[in-house]
Amino acid sequence: MLLHLPIVILAALPPTSVAKAVPTFDIARECRSESGPEISLERCTQDEERARSQLQIQWTQFAARDRSICTQETTADGSGSYVELLICLEMARDAKTQPR
């Protein structure tokens, strides 16, 4: 009976509670997983750091629902990329502003 208690508690939490702050990703691991020459590793690290900085500035400007969805999508494979997260959020934002 108590085995299901953690699931019930987690399910009761609001989905935006996770998305109130920029998530923390392991940039080095993400860039190493792309495996390439040293220059590619450096460029990947720079791109990820730049995207993280941009996200820290713009985070609250994105809709809470989009932050939650994009964070889940970006981390679905067990890793995380600030570049992918930023692109997802920008696409979600831009899709809402496009005329239909």
C-alpha atoms as a PDB file:
ATOM      1  CA  MET A   1       0.000   0.000   0.000  1.00  0.00           C
ATOM      2  CA  LEU A   2       2.709   2.497   0.936  1.00  0.00           C
ATOM      3  CA  LEU A   3       4.662   1.464  -2.131  1.00  0.00           C
ATOM      4  CA  HIS A   4       2.519   3.732  -4.311  1.00  0.00           C
ATOM      5  CA  LEU A   5       2.737   6.736  -1.996  1.00  0.00           C
ATOM      6  CA  PRO A   6       5.755   8.373  -3.746  1.00  0.00           C
ATOM      7  CA  ILE A   7       3.974   8.113  -7.085  1.00  0.00           C
ATOM      8  CA  VAL A   8       0.841   9.727  -5.675  1.00  0.00           C
ATOM      9  CA  ILE A   9       2.872  12.530  -4.104  1.00  0.00           C
ATOM     10  CA  LEU A  10       4.797  13.218  -7.325  1.00  0.00           C
ATOM     11  CA  ALA A  11       1.628  13.131  -9.401  1.00  0.00           C
ATOM     12  CA  ALA A  12       0.044  15.711  -7.096  1.00  0.00           C
ATOM     13  CA  LEU A  13       2.851  18.226  -7.586  1.00  0.00           C
ATOM     14  CA  PRO A  14       2.169  20.992 -10.094  1.00  0.00           C
ATOM     15  CA  PRO A  15       4.058  20.340 -13.351  1.00  0.00           C
ATOM     16  CA  THR A  16       5.561  23.841 -13.433  1.00  0.00           C
ATOM     17  CA  SER A  17       7.406  23.435 -10.135  1.00  0.00           C
ATOM     18  CA  VAL A  18      10.259  21.764 -12.007  1.00  0.00           C
ATOM     19  CA  ALA A  19      10.424  24.523 -14.597  1.00  0.00           C
ATOM     20  CA  LYS A  20      10.794  27.546 -12.292  1.00  0.00           C
ATOM     21  CA  ALA A  21      14.572  27.630 -12.774  1.00  0.00           C
ATOM     22  CA  VAL A  22      16.855  26.780 -15.659  1.00  0.00           C
ATOM     23  CA  PRO A  23      17.694  23.082 -15.312  1.00  0.00           C
ATOM     24  CA  THR A  24      21.275  22.022 -14.739  1.00  0.00           C
ATOM     25  CA  PHE A  25      22.867  19.885 -17.444  1.00  0.00           C
ATOM     26  CA  ASP A  26      26.316  18.312 -17.613  1.00  0.00           C
ATOM     27  CA  ILE A  27      27.816  20.249 -20.530  1.00  0.00           C
ATOM     28  CA  ALA A  28      31.016  18.206 -20.622  1.00  0.00           C
ATOM     29  CA  ARG A  29      29.132  14.913 -20.798  1.00  0.00           C
ATOM     30  CA  GLU A  30      26.772  16.206 -23.471  1.00  0.00           C
ATOM     31  CA  CYS A  31      29.641  17.458 -25.625  1.00  0.00           C
ATOM     32  CA  ARG A  32      31.726  14.294 -25.132  1.00  0.00           C
ATOM     33  CA  SER A  33      28.749  12.197 -26.249  1.00  0.00           C
ATOM     34  CA  GLU A  34      28.866  13.961 -29.598  1.00  0.00           C
ATOM     35  CA  SER A  35      32.456  12.674 -29.916  1.00  0.00           C
ATOM     36  CA  GLY A  36      34.519  14.599 -32.372  1.00  0.00           C
ATOM     37  CA  PRO A  37      37.865  16.332 -32.676  1.00  0.00           C
ATOM     38  CA  GLU A  38      39.068  18.663 -29.938  1.00  0.00           C
ATOM     39  CA  ILE A  39      37.847  21.708 -31.874  1.00  0.00           C
ATOM     40  CA  SER A  40      34.321  20.273 -32.034  1.00  0.00           C
ATOM     41  CA  LEU A  41      34.401  19.626 -28.291  1.00  0.00           C
ATOM     42  CA  GLU A  42      35.475  23.216 -27.657  1.00  0.00           C
ATOM     43  CA  ARG A  43      32.840  24.612 -30.000  1.00  0.00           C
ATOM     44  CA  CYS A  44      30.134  22.431 -28.420  1.00  0.00           C
ATOM     45  CA  THR A  45      31.122  23.611 -24.940  1.00  0.00           C
ATOM     46  CA  GLN A  46      31.044  27.246 -26.039  1.00  0.00           C
ATOM     47  CA  ASP A  47      27.638  26.804 -27.708  1.00  0.00           C
ATOM     48  CA  GLU A  48      26.200  25.108 -24.613  1.00  0.00           C
ATOM     49  CA  GLU A  49      27.561  27.801 -22.273  1.00  0.00           C
ATOM     50  CA  ARG A  50      26.222  30.559 -24.525  1.00  0.00           C
ATOM     51  CA  ALA A  51      22.791  28.920 -24.642  1.00  0.00           C
ATOM     52  CA  ARG A  52      22.781  28.475 -20.852  1.00  0.00           C
ATOM     53  CA  SER A  53      23.587  32.163 -20.361  1.00  0.00           C
ATOM     54  CA  GLN A  54      20.822  33.147 -22.762  1.00  0.00           C
ATOM     55  CA  LEU A  55      18.352  30.853 -20.980  1.00  0.00           C
ATOM     56  CA  GLN A  56      19.222  32.347 -17.594  1.00  0.00           C
ATOM     57  CA  ILE A  57      18.349  35.782 -18.935  1.00  0.00           C
ATOM     58  CA  GLN A  58      15.197  34.817 -20.855  1.00  0.00           C
ATOM     59  CA  TRP A  59      13.851  31.906 -18.758  1.00  0.00           C
ATOM     60  CA  THR A  60      10.887  33.714 -17.213  1.00  0.00           C
ATOM     61  CA  GLN A  61       9.880  35.169 -20.589  1.00  0.00           C
ATOM     62  CA  PHE A  62       8.927  31.708 -21.844  1.00  0.00           C
ATOM     63  CA  ALA A  63       5.550  30.253 -20.876  1.00  0.00           C
ATOM     64  CA  ALA A  64       5.700  27.934 -17.869  1.00  0.00           C
ATOM     65  CA  ARG A  65       3.975  25.164 -19.828  1.00  0.00           C
ATOM     66  CA  ASP A  66       6.557  25.454 -22.638  1.00  0.00           C
ATOM     67  CA  ARG A  67       9.421  25.406 -20.119  1.00  0.00           C
ATOM     68  CA  SER A  68       8.062  22.227 -18.590  1.00  0.00           C
ATOM     69  CA  ILE A  69       7.373  20.480 -21.903  1.00  0.00           C
ATOM     70  CA  CYS A  70      10.684  21.475 -23.490  1.00  0.00           C
ATOM     71  CA  THR A  71      12.649  20.439 -20.404  1.00  0.00           C
ATOM     72  CA  GLN A  72      10.968  17.032 -20.467  1.00  0.00           C
ATOM     73  CA  GLU A  73      11.590  16.622 -24.193  1.00  0.00           C
ATOM     74  CA  THR A  74      15.200  17.745 -23.939  1.00  0.00           C
ATOM     75  CA  THR A  75      16.000  15.339 -21.103  1.00  0.00           C
ATOM     76  CA  ALA A  76      13.968  12.345 -22.345  1.00  0.00           C
ATOM     77  CA  ASP A  77      17.097  10.427 -23.357  1.00  0.00           C
ATOM     78  CA  GLY A  78      18.809  10.939 -19.992  1.00  0.00           C
ATOM     79  CA  SER A  79      21.043  13.805 -21.051  1.00  0.00           C
ATOM     80  CA  GLY A  80      20.353  17.457 -21.571  1.00  0.00           C
ATOM     81  CA  SER A  81      21.400  20.188 -23.933  1.00  0.00           C
ATOM     82  CA  TYR A  82      20.960  23.893 -23.321  1.00  0.00           C
ATOM     83  CA  VAL A  83      21.094  24.477 -27.073  1.00  0.00           C
ATOM     84  CA  GLU A  84      18.246  22.015 -27.681  1.00  0.00           C
ATOM     85  CA  LEU A  85      16.237  23.453 -24.790  1.00  0.00           C
ATOM     86  CA  LEU A  86      16.648  27.002 -26.066  1.00  0.00           C
ATOM     87  CA  ILE A  87      15.644  25.997 -29.602  1.00  0.00           C
ATOM     88  CA  CYS A  88      12.572  24.152 -28.300  1.00  0.00           C
ATOM     89  CA  LEU A  89      11.489  27.162 -26.241  1.00  0.00           C
ATOM     90  CA  GLU A  90      12.062  29.611 -29.082  1.00  0.00           C
ATOM     91  CA  MET A  91      10.090  27.423 -31.490  1.00  0.00           C
ATOM     92  CA  ALA A  92       7.205  27.114 -29.007  1.00  0.00           C
ATOM     93  CA  ARG A  93       7.176  30.882 -28.507  1.00  0.00           C
ATOM     94  CA  ASP A  94       7.415  31.645 -32.211  1.00  0.00           C
ATOM     95  CA  ALA A  95       4.665  29.166 -33.090  1.00  0.00           C
ATOM     96  CA  LYS A  96       2.278  31.143 -30.889  1.00  0.00           C
ATOM     97  CA  THR A  97       3.096  34.437 -32.609  1.00  0.00           C
ATOM     98  CA  GLN A  98       2.779  33.200 -36.211  1.00  0.00           C
ATOM     99  CA  PRO A  99      -0.363  34.301 -38.030  1.00  0.00           C
ATOM    100  CA  ARG A 100      -2.635  31.432 -38.950  1.00  0.00           C
END
